C-alpha atoms as a PDB file:
ATOM      1  CA  MET A   1     -27.200  22.526   8.936  1.00  0.00           C
ATOM      2  CA  GLU A   2     -24.332  20.734  10.627  1.00  0.00           C
ATOM      3  CA  LYS A   3     -23.608  17.141   9.682  1.00  0.00           C
ATOM      4  CA  SER A   4     -23.259  14.967  12.757  1.00  0.00           C
ATOM      5  CA  GLU A   5     -21.190  11.812  12.686  1.00  0.00           C
ATOM      6  CA  THR A   6     -23.060   8.722  13.726  1.00  0.00           C
ATOM      7  CA  ILE A   7     -20.859   6.281  15.592  1.00  0.00           C
ATOM      8  CA  PRO A   8     -21.862   2.634  15.224  1.00  0.00           C
ATOM      9  CA  SER A   9     -22.767   0.729  18.368  1.00  0.00           C
ATOM     10  CA  SER A  10     -19.541  -1.278  18.031  1.00  0.00           C
ATOM     11  CA  GLY A  11     -17.561   1.963  18.377  1.00  0.00           C
ATOM     12  CA  ASP A  12     -15.706   1.461  15.091  1.00  0.00           C
ATOM     13  CA  ARG A  13     -15.096   4.483  12.886  1.00  0.00           C
ATOM     14  CA  ASN A  14     -13.940   4.651   9.301  1.00  0.00           C
ATOM     15  CA  LEU A  15     -10.389   5.946   9.612  1.00  0.00           C
ATOM     16  CA  GLY A  16      -9.518   5.038   6.023  1.00  0.00           C
ATOM     17  CA  PRO A  17      -9.482   8.610   4.656  1.00  0.00           C
ATOM     18  CA  LEU A  18      -7.346   9.823   7.579  1.00  0.00           C
ATOM     19  CA  ILE A  19      -4.846   6.996   7.170  1.00  0.00           C
ATOM     20  CA  LEU A  20      -4.692   7.539   3.409  1.00  0.00           C
ATOM     21  CA  GLY A  21      -4.063  11.255   3.899  1.00  0.00           C
ATOM     22  CA  LEU A  22      -1.276  10.605   6.404  1.00  0.00           C
ATOM     23  CA  ASN A  23       0.223   8.026   4.090  1.00  0.00           C
ATOM     24  CA  TRP A  24       0.400  10.534   1.234  1.00  0.00           C
ATOM     25  CA  ALA A  25       1.709  13.247   3.571  1.00  0.00           C
ATOM     26  CA  ILE A  26       4.672  11.028   4.465  1.00  0.00           C
ATOM     27  CA  PHE A  27       5.185   9.249   1.138  1.00  0.00           C
ATOM     28  CA  SER A  28       5.297  12.357  -1.070  1.00  0.00           C
ATOM     29  CA  PRO A  29       8.170  14.192   0.673  1.00  0.00           C
ATOM     30  CA  SER A  30      10.133  10.972   1.119  1.00  0.00           C
ATOM     31  CA  THR A  31       9.861  10.228  -2.613  1.00  0.00           C
ATOM     32  CA  ILE A  32      11.030  13.735  -3.489  1.00  0.00           C
ATOM     33  CA  LEU A  33      13.997  13.485  -1.117  1.00  0.00           C
ATOM     34  CA  VAL A  34      15.003  10.041  -2.392  1.00  0.00           C
ATOM     35  CA  CYS A  35      14.865  11.309  -5.988  1.00  0.00           C
ATOM     36  CA  LEU A  36      16.977  14.340  -5.097  1.00  0.00           C
ATOM     37  CA  ARG A  37      19.520  12.117  -3.343  1.00  0.00           C
ATOM     38  CA  LEU A  38      19.747   9.768  -6.315  1.00  0.00           C
ATOM     39  CA  ILE A  39      20.115  12.665  -8.764  1.00  0.00           C
ATOM     40  CA  THR A  40      22.911  14.061  -6.621  1.00  0.00           C
ATOM     41  CA  ARG A  41      24.674  10.725  -6.279  1.00  0.00           C
ATOM     42  CA  ILE A  42      24.400   9.782  -9.968  1.00  0.00           C
ATOM     43  CA  TRP A  43      24.930  13.054 -11.855  1.00  0.00           C
ATOM     44  CA  ILE A  44      26.927  15.212  -9.459  1.00  0.00           C
ATOM     45  CA  THR A  45      29.183  12.876  -7.480  1.00  0.00           C
ATOM     46  CA  HIS A  46      29.119   9.948  -9.962  1.00  0.00           C
ATOM     47  CA  ASN A  47      29.095   7.602  -6.990  1.00  0.00           C
ATOM     48  CA  PHE A  48      26.048   5.314  -6.822  1.00  0.00           C
ATOM     49  CA  GLY A  49      26.657   2.836  -4.011  1.00  0.00           C
ATOM     50  CA  TRP A  50      24.979  -0.094  -2.338  1.00  0.00           C
ATOM     51  CA  ASP A  51      23.341   2.260   0.171  1.00  0.00           C
ATOM     52  CA  ASP A  52      21.634   4.134  -2.666  1.00  0.00           C
ATOM     53  CA  ALA A  53      20.418   0.872  -4.175  1.00  0.00           C
ATOM     54  CA  THR A  54      19.005  -0.115  -0.777  1.00  0.00           C
ATOM     55  CA  ILE A  55      17.207   3.218  -0.399  1.00  0.00           C
ATOM     56  CA  LEU A  56      15.765   2.904  -3.914  1.00  0.00           C
ATOM     57  CA  LEU A  57      14.623  -0.666  -3.237  1.00  0.00           C
ATOM     58  CA  ALA A  58      12.974   0.386   0.033  1.00  0.00           C
ATOM     59  CA  GLN A  59      11.169   3.289  -1.635  1.00  0.00           C
ATOM     60  CA  VAL A  60       9.902   1.144  -4.515  1.00  0.00           C
ATOM     61  CA  SER A  61       8.823  -1.695  -2.226  1.00  0.00           C
ATOM     62  CA  GLU A  62       7.007   0.775   0.034  1.00  0.00           C
ATOM     63  CA  ASP A  63       4.907   1.907  -2.932  1.00  0.00           C
ATOM     64  CA  TYR A  64       4.390  -1.560  -4.457  1.00  0.00           C
ATOM     65  CA  PRO A  65       1.511  -2.835  -2.233  1.00  0.00           C
ATOM     66  CA  LYS A  66      -0.506   0.368  -2.814  1.00  0.00           C
ATOM     67  CA  SER A  67      -0.323  -0.064  -6.560  1.00  0.00           C
ATOM     68  CA  GLN A  68      -1.924  -3.534  -6.462  1.00  0.00           C
ATOM     69  CA  LYS A  69      -5.644  -3.819  -7.069  1.00  0.00           C
ATOM     70  CA  PRO A  70      -7.671  -5.547  -4.343  1.00  0.00           C
ATOM     71  CA  ASN A  71      -9.221  -8.900  -5.225  1.00  0.00           C
END
């Protein structure tokens, strides 16, 4: 038996799971790439600059709101 989606009369749909999936699909590779860049800059070139600090700050601040519990 096929499950049919019932759309409310207001036309609103729950897009939460889709948005969460897209968020993880973008966040995961970006985190891996930032980590690889930082490893390269710190251990291979020994040159950690202000641009790397900015990238690290942006990556951490992008994750920060998701880690907070809702009230």
